[in-house]
Amino acid sequence: MAQNTKKSIFMLCIENKDCEDLERRKIYQVLPDDEASKEGYLRVIDESGEDYLYPESYFVPVQLPREAQDALQIAS
C-alpha cells in the first residue's frame, strides 16, 4: 500500500446550520483549497462522500494520532 505523503487535515464540526450533509460533533477530512480559504470556507468531504465548501466557522481543528488519521482517511 502506498503511503500518502501529504498531511491529512481533520476538523471537528461544531455547527451545521442549513447544512444537512454535516453532523455536529463529527470529525471530517478537509481538502486543501487556498481560494476557498481566502473567502472563509473549507472544502470538506461531507456525509454524501463528496467534497463541498462549508463555512470555516463551522469547524475547529483537531490533532489525531496517525492510526486515527489512517482510519478516517477517505480513499482517493
C-alpha atoms as a PDB file:
ATOM      1  CA  MET A   1       0.000   0.000   0.000  1.00  0.00           C
ATOM      2  CA  ALA A   2       1.399   3.400  -0.980  1.00  0.00           C
ATOM      3  CA  GLN A   3       1.879   5.956   1.752  1.00  0.00           C
ATOM      4  CA  ASN A   4       0.227   9.344   1.274  1.00  0.00           C
ATOM      5  CA  THR A   5       2.953  11.947   1.674  1.00  0.00           C
ATOM      6  CA  LYS A   6       0.536  14.847   2.132  1.00  0.00           C
ATOM      7  CA  LYS A   7      -0.551  15.559   5.674  1.00  0.00           C
ATOM      8  CA  SER A   8      -4.251  14.934   6.149  1.00  0.00           C
ATOM      9  CA  ILE A   9      -6.298  17.658   7.763  1.00  0.00           C
ATOM     10  CA  PHE A  10      -9.218  16.806  10.011  1.00  0.00           C
ATOM     11  CA  MET A  11     -11.707  19.162  11.615  1.00  0.00           C
ATOM     12  CA  LEU A  12     -14.456  18.722  14.182  1.00  0.00           C
ATOM     13  CA  CYS A  13     -17.864  20.037  13.119  1.00  0.00           C
ATOM     14  CA  ILE A  14     -19.325  22.336  15.787  1.00  0.00           C
ATOM     15  CA  GLU A  15     -22.200  23.829  13.743  1.00  0.00           C
ATOM     16  CA  ASN A  16     -24.355  22.624  10.860  1.00  0.00           C
ATOM     17  CA  LYS A  17     -26.985  25.332  10.393  1.00  0.00           C
ATOM     18  CA  ASP A  18     -28.613  24.912   6.959  1.00  0.00           C
ATOM     19  CA  CYS A  19     -26.146  22.096   6.117  1.00  0.00           C
ATOM     20  CA  GLU A  20     -27.985  18.769   6.114  1.00  0.00           C
ATOM     21  CA  ASP A  21     -24.873  16.883   4.965  1.00  0.00           C
ATOM     22  CA  LEU A  22     -22.913  17.737   8.130  1.00  0.00           C
ATOM     23  CA  GLU A  23     -23.239  16.220  11.593  1.00  0.00           C
ATOM     24  CA  ARG A  24     -22.259  18.202  14.670  1.00  0.00           C
ATOM     25  CA  ARG A  25     -19.588  16.550  16.864  1.00  0.00           C
ATOM     26  CA  LYS A  26     -18.258  14.523  13.921  1.00  0.00           C
ATOM     27  CA  ILE A  27     -14.721  14.659  12.504  1.00  0.00           C
ATOM     28  CA  TYR A  28     -14.378  15.428   8.796  1.00  0.00           C
ATOM     29  CA  GLN A  29     -11.494  15.297   6.372  1.00  0.00           C
ATOM     30  CA  VAL A  30     -10.668  18.663   4.807  1.00  0.00           C
ATOM     31  CA  LEU A  31      -9.066  19.052   1.396  1.00  0.00           C
ATOM     32  CA  PRO A  32      -6.635  21.880   0.627  1.00  0.00           C
ATOM     33  CA  ASP A  33      -8.282  24.791  -1.209  1.00  0.00           C
ATOM     34  CA  ASP A  34      -6.465  28.116  -0.955  1.00  0.00           C
ATOM     35  CA  GLU A  35      -9.124  30.063  -2.858  1.00  0.00           C
ATOM     36  CA  ALA A  36     -11.933  28.828  -0.594  1.00  0.00           C
ATOM     37  CA  SER A  37      -9.835  29.587   2.482  1.00  0.00           C
ATOM     38  CA  LYS A  38      -9.391  33.191   1.362  1.00  0.00           C
ATOM     39  CA  GLU A  39     -13.193  33.525   1.373  1.00  0.00           C
ATOM     40  CA  GLY A  40     -13.622  31.875   4.809  1.00  0.00           C
ATOM     41  CA  TYR A  41     -14.636  28.421   3.591  1.00  0.00           C
ATOM     42  CA  LEU A  42     -13.253  24.899   3.887  1.00  0.00           C
ATOM     43  CA  ARG A  43     -13.512  22.126   1.296  1.00  0.00           C
ATOM     44  CA  VAL A  44     -14.932  19.273   3.376  1.00  0.00           C
ATOM     45  CA  ILE A  45     -15.776  15.690   2.466  1.00  0.00           C
ATOM     46  CA  ASP A  46     -19.286  15.521   3.918  1.00  0.00           C
ATOM     47  CA  GLU A  47     -21.850  12.773   4.577  1.00  0.00           C
ATOM     48  CA  SER A  48     -22.557  12.393   0.855  1.00  0.00           C
ATOM     49  CA  GLY A  49     -18.910  11.356   0.315  1.00  0.00           C
ATOM     50  CA  GLU A  50     -18.342  14.356  -1.941  1.00  0.00           C
ATOM     51  CA  ASP A  51     -16.355  17.494  -1.179  1.00  0.00           C
ATOM     52  CA  TYR A  52     -18.215  20.774  -0.771  1.00  0.00           C
ATOM     53  CA  LEU A  53     -17.482  24.200   0.646  1.00  0.00           C
ATOM     54  CA  TYR A  54     -18.687  24.982   4.157  1.00  0.00           C
ATOM     55  CA  PRO A  55     -18.092  27.995   6.402  1.00  0.00           C
ATOM     56  CA  GLU A  56     -14.782  27.698   8.247  1.00  0.00           C
ATOM     57  CA  SER A  57     -16.562  28.859  11.417  1.00  0.00           C
ATOM     58  CA  TYR A  58     -18.478  25.550  11.477  1.00  0.00           C
ATOM     59  CA  PHE A  59     -15.274  23.646  12.316  1.00  0.00           C
ATOM     60  CA  VAL A  60     -12.386  23.543  14.754  1.00  0.00           C
ATOM     61  CA  PRO A  61      -9.066  21.803  14.066  1.00  0.00           C
ATOM     62  CA  VAL A  62      -8.224  18.552  15.817  1.00  0.00           C
ATOM     63  CA  GLN A  63      -4.923  16.718  16.210  1.00  0.00           C
ATOM     64  CA  LEU A  64      -5.311  12.976  15.711  1.00  0.00           C
ATOM     65  CA  PRO A  65      -2.838  10.134  16.153  1.00  0.00           C
ATOM     66  CA  ARG A  66      -1.566   8.612  12.876  1.00  0.00           C
ATOM     67  CA  GLU A  67      -3.688   5.470  13.412  1.00  0.00           C
ATOM     68  CA  ALA A  68      -6.868   7.545  13.696  1.00  0.00           C
ATOM     69  CA  GLN A  69      -5.945   9.566  10.592  1.00  0.00           C
ATOM     70  CA  ASP A  70      -5.375   6.368   8.634  1.00  0.00           C
ATOM     71  CA  ALA A  71      -8.759   5.012   9.751  1.00  0.00           C
ATOM     72  CA  LEU A  72     -10.564   8.232   8.782  1.00  0.00           C
ATOM     73  CA  GLN A  73      -8.722   8.785   5.504  1.00  0.00           C
ATOM     74  CA  ILE A  74     -11.061   8.876   2.516  1.00  0.00           C
ATOM     75  CA  ALA A  75      -9.757   6.661  -0.269  1.00  0.00           C
ATOM     76  CA  SER A  76      -8.939   8.650  -3.366  1.00  0.00           C
END
